Protein backbone atom coordinates (compact mmCIF):
# COMPACT_ATOMS: atom_id res chain seq x y z
CA UNK A 1 0.00 0.00 0.00
CA UNK A 2 2.91 2.32 0.72
CA UNK A 3 4.06 2.22 -2.92
CA UNK A 4 0.59 2.85 -4.34
CA UNK A 5 0.52 6.61 -3.73
CA UNK A 6 3.97 7.38 -5.25
CA UNK A 7 3.13 5.16 -8.22
CA UNK A 8 -0.14 6.97 -8.90
CA UNK A 9 1.50 10.39 -8.46
CA UNK A 10 4.31 9.36 -10.81
CA UNK A 11 1.92 8.17 -13.52
CA UNK A 12 -0.21 11.31 -13.26
CA UNK A 13 2.84 13.57 -13.49
CA UNK A 14 4.19 11.55 -16.44
CA UNK A 15 0.88 12.02 -18.27
CA UNK A 16 0.91 15.75 -17.54
CA UNK A 17 4.51 16.00 -18.79
CA UNK A 18 3.71 14.17 -22.04
CA UNK A 19 0.84 16.56 -22.71
CA UNK A 20 2.90 19.62 -21.76
CA UNK A 21 6.25 18.96 -23.50
CA UNK A 22 5.72 15.85 -25.62
CA UNK A 23 6.75 12.23 -25.33
CA UNK A 24 10.38 12.49 -26.46
CA UNK A 25 11.51 15.16 -23.97
CA UNK A 26 9.58 13.35 -21.25
CA UNK A 27 11.38 10.09 -22.06
CA UNK A 28 14.76 11.85 -22.06
CA UNK A 29 14.01 13.38 -18.67
CA UNK A 30 12.84 9.98 -17.45
CA UNK A 31 16.23 8.54 -18.39
CA UNK A 32 17.74 10.84 -15.75
CA UNK A 33 15.63 9.29 -12.97
CA UNK A 34 18.34 6.83 -11.81
CA UNK A 35 20.77 9.74 -11.55
CA UNK A 36 18.32 11.56 -9.29
CA UNK A 37 17.94 8.42 -7.16
CA UNK A 38 21.73 8.21 -6.71
CA UNK A 39 21.99 11.87 -5.72
CA UNK A 40 19.17 11.53 -3.18
CA UNK A 41 20.57 8.25 -1.85
CA UNK A 42 24.05 9.68 -1.33
CA UNK A 43 23.08 13.09 0.03
CA UNK A 44 20.02 12.27 2.14
CA UNK A 45 20.41 8.61 3.09
CA UNK A 46 24.21 8.50 3.36
CA UNK A 47 24.78 5.75 0.81
CA UNK A 48 28.32 5.25 -0.43
CA UNK A 49 29.23 6.76 -3.78
CA UNK A 50 31.12 3.95 -5.51
CA UNK A 51 32.95 3.62 -8.80
CA UNK A 52 30.02 1.58 -10.13
CA UNK A 53 27.63 4.43 -9.40
CA UNK A 54 30.00 6.90 -11.05
CA UNK A 55 30.26 4.66 -14.12
CA UNK A 56 26.48 4.31 -14.25
CA UNK A 57 26.00 8.06 -14.03
CA UNK A 58 28.56 8.54 -16.79
CA UNK A 59 26.78 6.06 -19.05
CA UNK A 60 23.39 7.66 -18.40
CA UNK A 61 24.72 11.14 -19.14
CA UNK A 62 26.44 9.84 -22.29
CA UNK A 63 23.21 8.21 -23.50
CA UNK A 64 21.14 11.33 -22.87
CA UNK A 65 23.78 13.48 -24.58
CA UNK A 66 23.80 11.18 -27.62
CA UNK A 67 20.00 11.28 -27.81
CA UNK A 68 19.91 15.06 -27.66
CA UNK A 69 22.84 15.46 -30.08
CA UNK A 70 21.36 12.86 -32.44
CA UNK A 71 18.20 14.92 -32.84
CA UNK A 72 20.23 17.83 -34.19
CA UNK A 73 21.99 15.74 -36.85
CA UNK A 74 20.68 15.55 -40.39
CA UNK A 75 19.02 12.12 -40.86
CA UNK A 76 21.44 11.18 -43.65
CA UNK A 77 24.44 12.04 -41.49
CA UNK A 78 23.02 10.06 -38.57
CA UNK A 79 22.47 7.02 -40.83
CA UNK A 80 26.07 7.29 -42.04
CA UNK A 81 27.33 7.28 -38.45
CA UNK A 82 25.28 4.38 -37.08
CA UNK A 83 24.58 2.45 -40.26
CA UNK A 84 21.21 1.75 -41.84
CA UNK A 85 20.47 -1.40 -39.84
CA UNK A 86 21.66 -0.51 -36.36
CA UNK A 87 24.61 0.65 -34.35
CA UNK A 88 27.11 -1.90 -35.65
CA UNK A 89 28.00 -2.19 -39.28
CA UNK A 90 28.44 -5.70 -40.56
CA UNK A 91 31.24 -6.40 -43.02
CA UNK A 92 29.33 -8.73 -45.32
């Protein structure tokens, strides 16, 4: 029962955000949620900040940066960078 209220509040706020700013920016902001959890855990609850957490934060920030930067690239340029079928080009 304790998790029901935060879950409902989260879903309502997510719906409001999608209507206000759109689904893509909402998803990008949602990708930063684990980073917020780490900051709150370390600062408020005194959890240890480990190398694994630092690596995870780095990967999250890299992914969000690539998403935002990828939107500004011309579609043809983006396809040339990642290939037409995915992130890895196959040498067939």
